[in-house]
């Protein structure tokens, strides 16, 4: 498969999606749309993944500071993603 299909992307989990994004060819093609480095994205993505895991598996969040950090990371990832996709679609 030369390009991932929407069906393929819908079936990936957060870890698999990050592996796809950090591939050199993929990140080189999309990094101009992101207001962060790949390292910043990965760092915040990891915390977002912890939050998603806790919610999906009904696991407790360790404490208030972890919850604050995880929610802030989720906001960064969401904002960066929304801005990047908006820019990508403007270029089409």
PDB file of N, CA and C in Angstrom:
ATOM      1  N   UNK A   1       0.844  -1.166   0.000  1.00  0.00           N
ATOM      2  CA  UNK A   1       0.000   0.000   0.000  1.00  0.00           C
ATOM      3  C   UNK A   1       0.896   1.237   0.000  1.00  0.00           C
ATOM      4  N   UNK A   2       0.746   2.072  -1.005  1.00  0.00           N
ATOM      5  CA  UNK A   2       1.562   3.276  -1.113  1.00  0.00           C
ATOM      6  C   UNK A   2       1.078   4.373  -0.176  1.00  0.00           C
ATOM      7  N   UNK A   3      -0.242   4.500  -0.028  1.00  0.00           N
ATOM      8  CA  UNK A   3      -0.805   5.498   0.874  1.00  0.00           C
ATOM      9  C   UNK A   3      -1.846   4.818   1.761  1.00  0.00           C
ATOM     10  N   UNK A   4      -1.827   5.129   3.048  1.00  0.00           N
ATOM     11  CA  UNK A   4      -2.835   4.532   3.927  1.00  0.00           C
ATOM     12  C   UNK A   4      -4.233   5.000   3.549  1.00  0.00           C
ATOM     13  N   UNK A   5      -5.161   4.096   3.569  1.00  0.00           N
ATOM     14  CA  UNK A   5      -6.546   4.453   3.286  1.00  0.00           C
ATOM     15  C   UNK A   5      -7.210   4.933   4.572  1.00  0.00           C
ATOM     16  N   UNK A   6      -8.372   5.553   4.430  1.00  0.00           N
ATOM     17  CA  UNK A   6      -9.110   6.010   5.604  1.00  0.00           C
ATOM     18  C   UNK A   6      -9.508   4.811   6.470  1.00  0.00           C
ATOM     19  N   UNK A   7      -9.867   3.691   5.826  1.00  0.00           N
ATOM     20  CA  UNK A   7     -10.228   2.475   6.563  1.00  0.00           C
ATOM     21  C   UNK A   7      -9.026   1.984   7.387  1.00  0.00           C
ATOM     22  N   UNK A   8      -7.842   2.022   6.806  1.00  0.00           N
ATOM     23  CA  UNK A   8      -6.624   1.612   7.513  1.00  0.00           C
ATOM     24  C   UNK A   8      -6.375   2.515   8.712  1.00  0.00           C
ATOM     25  N   UNK A   9      -6.478   3.817   8.507  1.00  0.00           N
ATOM     26  CA  UNK A   9      -6.229   4.769   9.596  1.00  0.00           C
ATOM     27  C   UNK A   9      -7.268   4.630  10.704  1.00  0.00           C
ATOM     28  N   UNK A  10      -8.522   4.362  10.335  1.00  0.00           N
ATOM     29  CA  UNK A  10      -9.570   4.179  11.341  1.00  0.00           C
ATOM     30  C   UNK A  10      -9.326   2.958  12.215  1.00  0.00           C
ATOM     31  N   UNK A  11      -8.602   1.975  11.698  1.00  0.00           N
ATOM     32  CA  UNK A  11      -8.389   0.739  12.455  1.00  0.00           C
ATOM     33  C   UNK A  11      -7.099   0.766  13.287  1.00  0.00           C
ATOM     34  N   UNK A  12      -6.360   1.863  13.265  1.00  0.00           N
ATOM     35  CA  UNK A  12      -5.112   1.931  14.028  1.00  0.00           C
ATOM     36  C   UNK A  12      -5.377   2.417  15.448  1.00  0.00           C
ATOM     37  N   UNK A  13      -4.508   2.019  16.357  1.00  0.00           N
ATOM     38  CA  UNK A  13      -4.587   2.564  17.714  1.00  0.00           C
ATOM     39  C   UNK A  13      -3.610   3.735  17.793  1.00  0.00           C
ATOM     40  N   UNK A  14      -3.577   4.409  18.936  1.00  0.00           N
ATOM     41  CA  UNK A  14      -2.728   5.600  19.067  1.00  0.00           C
ATOM     42  C   UNK A  14      -1.250   5.292  18.880  1.00  0.00           C
ATOM     43  N   UNK A  15      -0.801   4.158  19.399  1.00  0.00           N
ATOM     44  CA  UNK A  15       0.607   3.782  19.247  1.00  0.00           C
ATOM     45  C   UNK A  15       0.986   3.549  17.803  1.00  0.00           C
ATOM     46  N   UNK A  16       0.115   2.841  17.078  1.00  0.00           N
ATOM     47  CA  UNK A  16       0.379   2.569  15.661  1.00  0.00           C
ATOM     48  C   UNK A  16       0.349   3.854  14.845  1.00  0.00           C
ATOM     49  N   UNK A  17      -0.564   4.747  15.186  1.00  0.00           N
ATOM     50  CA  UNK A  17      -0.655   6.014  14.468  1.00  0.00           C
ATOM     51  C   UNK A  17       0.607   6.854  14.662  1.00  0.00           C
ATOM     52  N   UNK A  18       1.154   6.855  15.875  1.00  0.00           N
ATOM     53  CA  UNK A  18       2.397   7.596  16.119  1.00  0.00           C
ATOM     54  C   UNK A  18       3.552   6.970  15.340  1.00  0.00           C
ATOM     55  N   UNK A  19       3.607   5.654  15.275  1.00  0.00           N
ATOM     56  CA  UNK A  19       4.656   4.980  14.496  1.00  0.00           C
ATOM     57  C   UNK A  19       4.567   5.422  13.039  1.00  0.00           C
ATOM     58  N   UNK A  20       3.367   5.526  12.522  1.00  0.00           N
ATOM     59  CA  UNK A  20       3.170   5.982  11.147  1.00  0.00           C
ATOM     60  C   UNK A  20       3.642   7.428  10.985  1.00  0.00           C
ATOM     61  N   UNK A  21       3.248   8.310  11.912  1.00  0.00           N
ATOM     62  CA  UNK A  21       3.603   9.724  11.808  1.00  0.00           C
ATOM     63  C   UNK A  21       5.099   9.976  11.904  1.00  0.00           C
ATOM     64  N   UNK A  22       5.791   9.187  12.724  1.00  0.00           N
ATOM     65  CA  UNK A  22       7.214   9.462  12.928  1.00  0.00           C
ATOM     66  C   UNK A  22       8.114   8.830  11.868  1.00  0.00           C
ATOM     67  N   UNK A  23       7.534   8.098  10.920  1.00  0.00           N
ATOM     68  CA  UNK A  23       8.356   7.594   9.830  1.00  0.00           C
ATOM     69  C   UNK A  23       8.927   8.789   9.079  1.00  0.00           C
ATOM     70  N   UNK A  24      10.190   8.687   8.729  1.00  0.00           N
ATOM     71  CA  UNK A  24      10.902   9.827   8.150  1.00  0.00           C
ATOM     72  C   UNK A  24      10.168  10.425   6.944  1.00  0.00           C
ATOM     73  N   UNK A  25       9.723   9.601   6.018  1.00  0.00           N
ATOM     74  CA  UNK A  25       9.038  10.118   4.831  1.00  0.00           C
ATOM     75  C   UNK A  25       7.728  10.810   5.184  1.00  0.00           C
ATOM     76  N   UNK A  26       7.001  10.241   6.116  1.00  0.00           N
ATOM     77  CA  UNK A  26       5.710  10.814   6.499  1.00  0.00           C
ATOM     78  C   UNK A  26       5.930  12.143   7.213  1.00  0.00           C
ATOM     79  N   UNK A  27       6.800  12.153   8.239  1.00  0.00           N
ATOM     80  CA  UNK A  27       7.012  13.393   8.992  1.00  0.00           C
ATOM     81  C   UNK A  27       7.590  14.490   8.107  1.00  0.00           C
ATOM     82  N   UNK A  28       8.492  14.137   7.191  1.00  0.00           N
ATOM     83  CA  UNK A  28       9.044  15.149   6.278  1.00  0.00           C
ATOM     84  C   UNK A  28       7.950  15.772   5.416  1.00  0.00           C
ATOM     85  N   UNK A  29       6.946  14.977   5.071  1.00  0.00           N
ATOM     86  CA  UNK A  29       5.865  15.484   4.220  1.00  0.00           C
ATOM     87  C   UNK A  29       4.875  16.356   4.982  1.00  0.00           C
ATOM     88  N   UNK A  30       4.739  16.135   6.293  1.00  0.00           N
ATOM     89  CA  UNK A  30       3.700  16.856   7.036  1.00  0.00           C
ATOM     90  C   UNK A  30       4.221  17.813   8.102  1.00  0.00           C
ATOM     91  N   UNK A  31       5.504  17.790   8.404  1.00  0.00           N
ATOM     92  CA  UNK A  31       5.994  18.588   9.535  1.00  0.00           C
ATOM     93  C   UNK A  31       5.790  20.088   9.349  1.00  0.00           C
ATOM     94  N   UNK A  32       5.737  20.559   8.126  1.00  0.00           N
ATOM     95  CA  UNK A  32       5.538  21.999   7.914  1.00  0.00           C
ATOM     96  C   UNK A  32       4.165  22.463   8.392  1.00  0.00           C
ATOM     97  N   UNK A  33       3.248  21.525   8.584  1.00  0.00           N
ATOM     98  CA  UNK A  33       1.904  21.873   9.028  1.00  0.00           C
ATOM     99  C   UNK A  33       1.762  21.860  10.553  1.00  0.00           C
ATOM    100  N   UNK A  34       2.734  21.307  11.245  1.00  0.00           N
ATOM    101  CA  UNK A  34       2.660  21.181  12.690  1.00  0.00           C
ATOM    102  C   UNK A  34       3.455  22.291  13.379  1.00  0.00           C
ATOM    103  N   UNK A  35       2.856  22.870  14.409  1.00  0.00           N
ATOM    104  CA  UNK A  35       3.502  23.941  15.174  1.00  0.00           C
ATOM    105  C   UNK A  35       4.331  23.355  16.320  1.00  0.00           C
ATOM    106  N   UNK A  36       4.922  22.193  16.071  1.00  0.00           N
ATOM    107  CA  UNK A  36       5.728  21.528  17.098  1.00  0.00           C
ATOM    108  C   UNK A  36       6.737  20.618  16.404  1.00  0.00           C
ATOM    109  N   UNK A  37       7.712  20.184  17.168  1.00  0.00           N
ATOM    110  CA  UNK A  37       8.669  19.206  16.649  1.00  0.00           C
ATOM    111  C   UNK A  37       8.092  17.803  16.829  1.00  0.00           C
ATOM    112  N   UNK A  38       8.678  16.832  16.174  1.00  0.00           N
ATOM    113  CA  UNK A  38       8.242  15.450  16.350  1.00  0.00           C
ATOM    114  C   UNK A  38       8.457  15.021  17.800  1.00  0.00           C
ATOM    115  N   UNK A  39       9.518  15.505  18.441  1.00  0.00           N
ATOM    116  CA  UNK A  39       9.770  15.146  19.841  1.00  0.00           C
ATOM    117  C   UNK A  39       8.703  15.720  20.771  1.00  0.00           C
ATOM    118  N   UNK A  40       8.292  16.963  20.536  1.00  0.00           N
ATOM    119  CA  UNK A  40       7.214  17.548  21.341  1.00  0.00           C
ATOM    120  C   UNK A  40       5.907  16.802  21.122  1.00  0.00           C
ATOM    121  N   UNK A  41       5.633  16.454  19.875  1.00  0.00           N
ATOM    122  CA  UNK A  41       4.414  15.711  19.573  1.00  0.00           C
ATOM    123  C   UNK A  41       4.439  14.353  20.262  1.00  0.00           C
ATOM    124  N   UNK A  42       5.547  13.628  20.159  1.00  0.00           N
ATOM    125  CA  UNK A  42       5.652  12.313  20.792  1.00  0.00           C
ATOM    126  C   UNK A  42       5.514  12.412  22.310  1.00  0.00           C
ATOM    127  N   UNK A  43       6.164  13.406  22.905  1.00  0.00           N
ATOM    128  CA  UNK A  43       6.116  13.593  24.357  1.00  0.00           C
ATOM    129  C   UNK A  43       4.672  13.774  24.833  1.00  0.00           C
ATOM    130  N   UNK A  44       3.952  14.682  24.201  1.00  0.00           N
ATOM    131  CA  UNK A  44       2.566  14.947  24.593  1.00  0.00           C
ATOM    132  C   UNK A  44       1.640  13.813  24.181  1.00  0.00           C
ATOM    133  N   UNK A  45       1.939  13.171  23.075  1.00  0.00           N
ATOM    134  CA  UNK A  45       1.156  12.027  22.604  1.00  0.00           C
ATOM    135  C   UNK A  45       1.180  10.905  23.642  1.00  0.00           C
ATOM    136  N   UNK A  46       2.340  10.691  24.254  1.00  0.00           N
ATOM    137  CA  UNK A  46       2.454   9.638  25.271  1.00  0.00           C
ATOM    138  C   UNK A  46       1.529   9.907  26.452  1.00  0.00           C
ATOM    139  N   UNK A  47       1.471  11.136  26.916  1.00  0.00           N
ATOM    140  CA  UNK A  47       0.566  11.476  28.017  1.00  0.00           C
ATOM    141  C   UNK A  47      -0.894  11.367  27.582  1.00  0.00           C
ATOM    142  N   UNK A  48      -1.181  11.817  26.373  1.00  0.00           N
ATOM    143  CA  UNK A  48      -2.535  11.683  25.842  1.00  0.00           C
ATOM    144  C   UNK A  48      -2.934  10.213  25.764  1.00  0.00           C
ATOM    145  N   UNK A  49      -2.012   9.357  25.368  1.00  0.00           N
ATOM    146  CA  UNK A  49      -2.278   7.919  25.292  1.00  0.00           C
ATOM    147  C   UNK A  49      -2.597   7.337  26.670  1.00  0.00           C
ATOM    148  N   UNK A  50      -1.893   7.822  27.699  1.00  0.00           N
ATOM    149  CA  UNK A  50      -2.179   7.367  29.060  1.00  0.00           C
ATOM    150  C   UNK A  50      -3.595   7.755  29.489  1.00  0.00           C
ATOM    151  N   UNK A  51      -3.987   8.972  29.146  1.00  0.00           N
ATOM    152  CA  UNK A  51      -5.337   9.444  29.472  1.00  0.00           C
ATOM    153  C   UNK A  51      -6.385   8.623  28.740  1.00  0.00           C
ATOM    154  N   UNK A  52      -6.157   8.390  27.466  1.00  0.00           N
ATOM    155  CA  UNK A  52      -7.096   7.606  26.674  1.00  0.00           C
ATOM    156  C   UNK A  52      -7.202   6.180  27.215  1.00  0.00           C
ATOM    157  N   UNK A  53      -6.071   5.600  27.591  1.00  0.00           N
ATOM    158  CA  UNK A  53      -6.067   4.246  28.147  1.00  0.00           C
ATOM    159  C   UNK A  53      -6.859   4.197  29.457  1.00  0.00           C
ATOM    160  N   UNK A  54      -6.631   5.164  30.330  1.00  0.00           N
ATOM    161  CA  UNK A  54      -7.344   5.198  31.606  1.00  0.00           C
ATOM    162  C   UNK A  54      -8.850   5.295  31.389  1.00  0.00           C
ATOM    163  N   UNK A  55      -9.251   6.149  30.472  1.00  0.00           N
ATOM    164  CA  UNK A  55     -10.680   6.333  30.181  1.00  0.00           C
ATOM    165  C   UNK A  55     -11.271   5.078  29.551  1.00  0.00           C
ATOM    166  N   UNK A  56     -10.596   4.520  28.562  1.00  0.00           N
ATOM    167  CA  UNK A  56     -11.127   3.363  27.829  1.00  0.00           C
ATOM    168  C   UNK A  56     -11.208   2.108  28.695  1.00  0.00           C
ATOM    169  N   UNK A  57     -10.296   1.987  29.641  1.00  0.00           N
ATOM    170  CA  UNK A  57     -10.229   0.773  30.455  1.00  0.00           C
ATOM    171  C   UNK A  57     -10.686   1.008  31.892  1.00  0.00           C
ATOM    172  N   UNK A  58     -11.326   2.154  32.107  1.00  0.00           N
ATOM    173  CA  UNK A  58     -11.871   2.487  33.422  1.00  0.00           C
ATOM    174  C   UNK A  58     -10.815   2.349  34.521  1.00  0.00           C
ATOM    175  N   UNK A  59      -9.618   2.795  34.209  1.00  0.00           N
ATOM    176  CA  UNK A  59      -8.511   2.752  35.174  1.00  0.00           C
ATOM    177  C   UNK A  59      -8.427   4.093  35.895  1.00  0.00           C
ATOM    178  N   UNK A  60      -8.027   4.071  37.137  1.00  0.00           N
ATOM    179  CA  UNK A  60      -7.917   5.341  37.868  1.00  0.00           C
ATOM    180  C   UNK A  60      -6.731   6.169  37.363  1.00  0.00           C
ATOM    181  N   UNK A  61      -6.895   7.472  37.397  1.00  0.00           N
ATOM    182  CA  UNK A  61      -5.803   8.379  37.086  1.00  0.00           C
ATOM    183  C   UNK A  61      -5.032   8.568  38.392  1.00  0.00           C
ATOM    184  N   UNK A  62      -3.701   8.467  38.350  1.00  0.00           N
ATOM    185  CA  UNK A  62      -2.911   8.438  39.591  1.00  0.00           C
ATOM    186  C   UNK A  62      -3.209   9.554  40.598  1.00  0.00           C
ATOM    187  N   UNK A  63      -3.250  10.799  40.136  1.00  0.00           N
ATOM    188  CA  UNK A  63      -3.510  11.918  41.051  1.00  0.00           C
ATOM    189  C   UNK A  63      -3.885  13.153  40.248  1.00  0.00           C
ATOM    190  N   UNK A  64      -4.182  14.228  40.957  1.00  0.00           N
ATOM    191  CA  UNK A  64      -4.646  15.455  40.293  1.00  0.00           C
ATOM    192  C   UNK A  64      -3.578  16.043  39.370  1.00  0.00           C
ATOM    193  N   UNK A  65      -2.312  15.998  39.771  1.00  0.00           N
ATOM    194  CA  UNK A  65      -1.261  16.569  38.927  1.00  0.00           C
ATOM    195  C   UNK A  65      -1.107  15.753  37.638  1.00  0.00           C
ATOM    196  N   UNK A  66      -1.250  14.433  37.721  1.00  0.00           N
ATOM    197  CA  UNK A  66      -1.197  13.604  36.508  1.00  0.00           C
ATOM    198  C   UNK A  66      -2.369  13.935  35.601  1.00  0.00           C
ATOM    199  N   UNK A  67      -3.546  14.089  36.189  1.00  0.00           N
ATOM    200  CA  UNK A  67      -4.730  14.430  35.388  1.00  0.00           C
ATOM    201  C   UNK A  67      -4.538  15.770  34.678  1.00  0.00           C
ATOM    202  N   UNK A  68      -4.012  16.757  35.388  1.00  0.00           N
ATOM    203  CA  UNK A  68      -3.764  18.075  34.798  1.00  0.00           C
ATOM    204  C   UNK A  68      -2.767  17.975  33.644  1.00  0.00           C
ATOM    205  N   UNK A  69      -1.683  17.241  33.864  1.00  0.00           N
ATOM    206  CA  UNK A  69      -0.665  17.059  32.832  1.00  0.00           C
ATOM    207  C   UNK A  69      -1.241  16.336  31.619  1.00  0.00           C
ATOM    208  N   UNK A  70      -1.975  15.268  31.858  1.00  0.00           N
ATOM    209  CA  UNK A  70      -2.539  14.484  30.763  1.00  0.00           C
ATOM    210  C   UNK A  70      -3.552  15.296  29.963  1.00  0.00           C
ATOM    211  N   UNK A  71      -4.388  16.071  30.657  1.00  0.00           N
ATOM    212  CA  UNK A  71      -5.370  16.904  29.952  1.00  0.00           C
ATOM    213  C   UNK A  71      -4.691  18.011  29.146  1.00  0.00           C
ATOM    214  N   UNK A  72      -3.638  18.606  29.705  1.00  0.00           N
ATOM    215  CA  UNK A  72      -2.896  19.635  28.968  1.00  0.00           C
ATOM    216  C   UNK A  72      -2.257  19.035  27.720  1.00  0.00           C
ATOM    217  N   UNK A  73      -1.699  17.841  27.854  1.00  0.00           N
ATOM    218  CA  UNK A  73      -1.083  17.173  26.702  1.00  0.00           C
ATOM    219  C   UNK A  73      -2.120  16.860  25.639  1.00  0.00           C
ATOM    220  N   UNK A  74      -3.304  16.428  26.084  1.00  0.00           N
ATOM    221  CA  UNK A  74      -4.374  16.151  25.131  1.00  0.00           C
ATOM    222  C   UNK A  74      -4.734  17.421  24.357  1.00  0.00           C
ATOM    223  N   UNK A  75      -4.778  18.541  25.057  1.00  0.00           N
ATOM    224  CA  UNK A  75      -5.108  19.816  24.385  1.00  0.00           C
ATOM    225  C   UNK A  75      -4.035  20.195  23.369  1.00  0.00           C
ATOM    226  N   UNK A  76      -2.758  20.034  23.743  1.00  0.00           N
ATOM    227  CA  UNK A  76      -1.687  20.320  22.788  1.00  0.00           C
ATOM    228  C   UNK A  76      -1.827  19.452  21.537  1.00  0.00           C
ATOM    229  N   UNK A  77      -1.979  18.151  21.720  1.00  0.00           N
ATOM    230  CA  UNK A  77      -2.078  17.227  20.588  1.00  0.00           C
ATOM    231  C   UNK A  77      -3.289  17.575  19.730  1.00  0.00           C
ATOM    232  N   UNK A  78      -4.413  17.831  20.370  1.00  0.00           N
ATOM    233  CA  UNK A  78      -5.650  18.185  19.640  1.00  0.00           C
ATOM    234  C   UNK A  78      -5.452  19.472  18.837  1.00  0.00           C
ATOM    235  N   UNK A  79      -4.930  20.493  19.487  1.00  0.00           N
ATOM    236  CA  UNK A  79      -4.741  21.776  18.805  1.00  0.00           C
ATOM    237  C   UNK A  79      -3.749  21.661  17.648  1.00  0.00           C
ATOM    238  N   UNK A  80      -2.617  20.998  17.889  1.00  0.00           N
ATOM    239  CA  UNK A  80      -1.633  20.827  16.820  1.00  0.00           C
ATOM    240  C   UNK A  80      -2.222  20.048  15.652  1.00  0.00           C
ATOM    241  N   UNK A  81      -2.968  19.005  15.959  1.00  0.00           N
ATOM    242  CA  UNK A  81      -3.579  18.195  14.903  1.00  0.00           C
ATOM    243  C   UNK A  81      -4.615  18.960  14.111  1.00  0.00           C
ATOM    244  N   UNK A  82      -5.488  19.678  14.814  1.00  0.00           N
ATOM    245  CA  UNK A  82      -6.520  20.458  14.124  1.00  0.00           C
ATOM    246  C   UNK A  82      -5.902  21.530  13.231  1.00  0.00           C
ATOM    247  N   UNK A  83      -4.908  22.230  13.747  1.00  0.00           N
ATOM    248  CA  UNK A  83      -4.239  23.263  12.953  1.00  0.00           C
ATOM    249  C   UNK A  83      -3.530  22.653  11.743  1.00  0.00           C
ATOM    250  N   UNK A  84      -2.872  21.529  11.947  1.00  0.00           N
ATOM    251  CA  UNK A  84      -2.154  20.872  10.851  1.00  0.00           C
ATOM    252  C   UNK A  84      -3.119  20.416   9.764  1.00  0.00           C
ATOM    253  N   UNK A  85      -4.215  19.767  10.166  1.00  0.00           N
ATOM    254  CA  UNK A  85      -5.158  19.287   9.156  1.00  0.00           C
ATOM    255  C   UNK A  85      -5.844  20.437   8.434  1.00  0.00           C
ATOM    256  N   UNK A  86      -6.137  21.516   9.133  1.00  0.00           N
ATOM    257  CA  UNK A  86      -6.727  22.680   8.479  1.00  0.00           C
ATOM    258  C   UNK A  86      -5.778  23.239   7.419  1.00  0.00           C
ATOM    259  N   UNK A  87      -4.492  23.327   7.771  1.00  0.00           N
ATOM    260  CA  UNK A  87      -3.493  23.810   6.809  1.00  0.00           C
ATOM    261  C   UNK A  87      -3.346  22.862   5.628  1.00  0.00           C
ATOM    262  N   UNK A  88      -3.348  21.556   5.898  1.00  0.00           N
ATOM    263  CA  UNK A  88      -3.222  20.580   4.817  1.00  0.00           C
ATOM    264  C   UNK A  88      -4.372  20.699   3.833  1.00  0.00           C
ATOM    265  N   UNK A  89      -5.590  20.856   4.359  1.00  0.00           N
ATOM    266  CA  UNK A  89      -6.741  20.938   3.475  1.00  0.00           C
ATOM    267  C   UNK A  89      -6.784  22.272   2.729  1.00  0.00           C
ATOM    268  N   UNK A  90      -6.183  23.312   3.285  1.00  0.00           N
ATOM    269  CA  UNK A  90      -6.082  24.591   2.570  1.00  0.00           C
ATOM    270  C   UNK A  90      -5.123  24.491   1.389  1.00  0.00           C
ATOM    271  N   UNK A  91      -4.131  23.603   1.502  1.00  0.00           N
ATOM    272  CA  UNK A  91      -3.151  23.427   0.422  1.00  0.00           C
ATOM    273  C   UNK A  91      -3.682  22.578  -0.737  1.00  0.00           C
ATOM    274  N   UNK A  92      -4.776  21.870  -0.511  1.00  0.00           N
ATOM    275  CA  UNK A  92      -5.290  20.961  -1.551  1.00  0.00           C
ATOM    276  C   UNK A  92      -6.013  21.724  -2.627  1.00  0.00           C
TER     277      UNK A  92
END
